[in-house]
Amino acid sequence: MDLTGGEVEITYMLSPDFDTKGSHILFWFQMYSGTRQDGPYVNYALKVYPLENCPKGEWITAVLPLNSNDADWACMGSSMERQGFYTCLPIDQALKSVNGNFGIIAIPIPDGNDPPMGTFRISEFKITYRTILK
């Protein structure tokens, strides 16, 4: 799916006890950069629209534009052990072929022993993207 110029619309609520513990709640997608689904994978997070910056206990609707501005995105790269399995591509190239997963992610997790807590409820999640008619 080509997400270039698309948008994500999400209606969500953070529980009153929601605590990110220093991480950010972001839209994320994954695509396969190889010819098969065994990788290498490319993971990007839309860093300019953190979803945790809202009142807790209230339903919020956010619209996240999916542009190809490099400064708006963070390529998530890889751990040392998985370097051959994950890679980075230019964001405009990655957005043109989102053929993997997408969703909401908490990054970074500052301390593995103290992860974010609380509930992130989603009532609606919609992706609008362009289609090419032939």
Protein backbone atom coordinates (compact mmCIF):
# COMPACT_ATOMS: atom_id res chain seq x y z
CA MET A 1 0.00 0.00 0.00
CA ASP A 2 1.33 3.46 -0.89
CA LEU A 3 0.90 5.68 2.18
CA THR A 4 2.63 8.71 0.63
CA GLY A 5 0.45 11.73 1.36
CA GLY A 6 -2.06 9.59 3.28
CA GLU A 7 -3.22 10.03 6.83
CA VAL A 8 -4.05 8.08 9.94
CA GLU A 9 -7.13 9.02 11.93
CA ILE A 10 -7.31 7.51 15.39
CA THR A 11 -9.84 7.95 18.18
CA TYR A 12 -8.32 6.88 21.48
CA MET A 13 -8.29 7.39 25.23
CA LEU A 14 -5.51 7.10 27.80
CA SER A 15 -6.54 5.69 31.17
CA PRO A 16 -6.22 8.08 34.15
CA ASP A 17 -3.23 6.06 35.42
CA PHE A 18 -1.43 6.11 32.06
CA ASP A 19 2.29 6.75 32.51
CA THR A 20 4.71 6.57 29.58
CA LYS A 21 7.74 6.41 31.91
CA GLY A 22 9.58 8.65 29.44
CA SER A 23 8.63 6.91 26.20
CA HIS A 24 6.47 8.28 23.39
CA ILE A 25 3.34 6.71 21.90
CA LEU A 26 3.67 6.87 18.11
CA PHE A 27 2.21 5.57 14.87
CA TRP A 28 4.57 2.95 13.41
CA PHE A 29 4.80 0.90 10.23
CA GLN A 30 6.93 -1.90 8.87
CA MET A 31 7.72 -2.89 5.31
CA TYR A 32 9.72 -5.67 3.73
CA SER A 33 12.60 -4.25 1.72
CA GLY A 34 13.53 -7.56 0.12
CA THR A 35 11.72 -9.60 -2.47
CA ARG A 36 10.18 -11.95 0.12
CA GLN A 37 8.57 -11.54 3.52
CA ASP A 38 11.66 -12.80 5.33
CA GLY A 39 13.26 -9.34 5.35
CA PRO A 40 15.18 -7.30 5.69
CA TYR A 41 12.53 -5.22 7.40
CA VAL A 42 12.28 -1.43 7.60
CA ASN A 43 10.51 0.09 10.64
CA TYR A 44 9.55 3.75 10.90
CA ALA A 45 7.84 5.71 13.69
CA LEU A 46 6.11 9.05 13.07
CA LYS A 47 7.86 11.07 15.78
CA VAL A 48 6.27 14.50 15.30
CA TYR A 49 2.79 13.47 16.54
CA PRO A 50 3.22 11.83 19.96
CA LEU A 51 -0.16 10.54 21.10
CA GLU A 52 0.55 10.77 24.83
CA ASN A 53 0.21 14.58 24.87
CA CYS A 54 -3.51 14.72 25.57
CA PRO A 55 -5.91 14.78 28.53
CA LYS A 56 -6.26 11.41 30.25
CA GLY A 57 -9.66 9.77 30.57
CA GLU A 58 -11.13 11.58 27.51
CA TRP A 59 -11.71 10.32 23.97
CA ILE A 60 -9.45 12.18 21.53
CA THR A 61 -9.45 12.08 17.73
CA ALA A 62 -6.09 12.76 16.11
CA VAL A 63 -5.33 13.05 12.41
CA LEU A 64 -1.72 12.22 11.53
CA PRO A 65 -0.52 13.28 8.06
CA LEU A 66 1.85 10.76 6.48
CA ASN A 67 4.27 12.98 4.60
CA SER A 68 7.70 12.05 3.32
CA ASN A 69 9.63 14.66 5.32
CA ASP A 70 12.66 12.81 6.75
CA ALA A 71 12.65 15.00 9.88
CA ASP A 72 9.16 13.76 10.85
CA TRP A 73 10.14 10.08 10.98
CA ALA A 74 12.55 7.88 12.93
CA CYS A 75 13.91 4.78 11.25
CA MET A 76 14.09 2.30 14.10
CA GLY A 77 17.10 0.36 12.84
CA SER A 78 18.19 -2.80 14.61
CA SER A 79 19.84 -4.30 17.63
CA MET A 80 23.40 -5.55 17.15
CA GLU A 81 22.20 -9.17 17.12
CA ARG A 82 19.66 -8.57 14.31
CA GLN A 83 21.56 -6.20 11.99
CA GLY A 84 21.02 -8.41 8.94
CA PHE A 85 17.30 -8.61 9.57
CA TYR A 86 16.48 -4.86 9.82
CA THR A 87 17.64 -1.94 7.73
CA CYS A 88 16.71 1.66 6.87
CA LEU A 89 15.57 3.12 3.56
CA PRO A 90 14.69 6.71 2.67
CA ILE A 91 11.21 7.48 4.08
CA ASP A 92 9.77 8.35 0.65
CA GLN A 93 10.76 4.90 -0.61
CA ALA A 94 9.45 3.11 2.50
CA LEU A 95 6.06 4.90 2.43
CA LYS A 96 5.49 3.80 -1.18
CA SER A 97 5.45 0.13 -0.28
CA VAL A 98 4.03 -0.55 3.18
CA ASN A 99 3.58 -4.28 2.91
CA GLY A 100 4.06 -5.29 6.54
CA ASN A 101 2.52 -4.30 9.84
CA PHE A 102 1.40 -0.97 11.28
CA GLY A 103 0.01 0.25 14.56
CA ILE A 104 0.87 2.14 17.73
CA ILE A 105 4.20 1.67 19.53
CA ALA A 106 5.84 2.96 22.70
CA ILE A 107 9.48 4.02 22.13
CA PRO A 108 11.99 4.17 23.59
CA ILE A 109 11.49 1.98 26.62
CA PRO A 110 13.92 3.75 28.99
CA ASP A 111 14.32 0.87 31.43
CA GLY A 112 13.25 -2.67 30.61
CA ASN A 113 12.30 -3.17 34.26
CA ASP A 114 9.97 -0.15 34.33
CA PRO A 115 7.85 -0.17 31.13
CA PRO A 116 4.96 2.22 30.39
CA MET A 117 1.78 1.45 32.30
CA GLY A 118 -1.93 2.07 31.92
CA THR A 119 -4.40 1.47 29.13
CA PHE A 120 -4.40 2.91 25.61
CA ARG A 121 -7.93 2.34 24.26
CA ILE A 122 -8.72 2.67 20.56
CA SER A 123 -12.30 3.03 19.35
CA GLU A 124 -11.47 3.84 15.70
CA PHE A 125 -8.35 3.50 13.56
CA LYS A 126 -8.54 4.55 9.92
CA ILE A 127 -5.83 4.83 7.28
CA THR A 128 -6.53 6.84 4.15
CA TYR A 129 -4.13 6.29 1.29
CA ARG A 130 -4.02 6.87 -2.41
CA THR A 131 -4.76 4.21 -4.95
CA ILE A 132 -3.45 4.11 -8.48
CA LEU A 133 -6.07 3.28 -11.07
CA LYS A 134 -4.86 1.56 -14.19
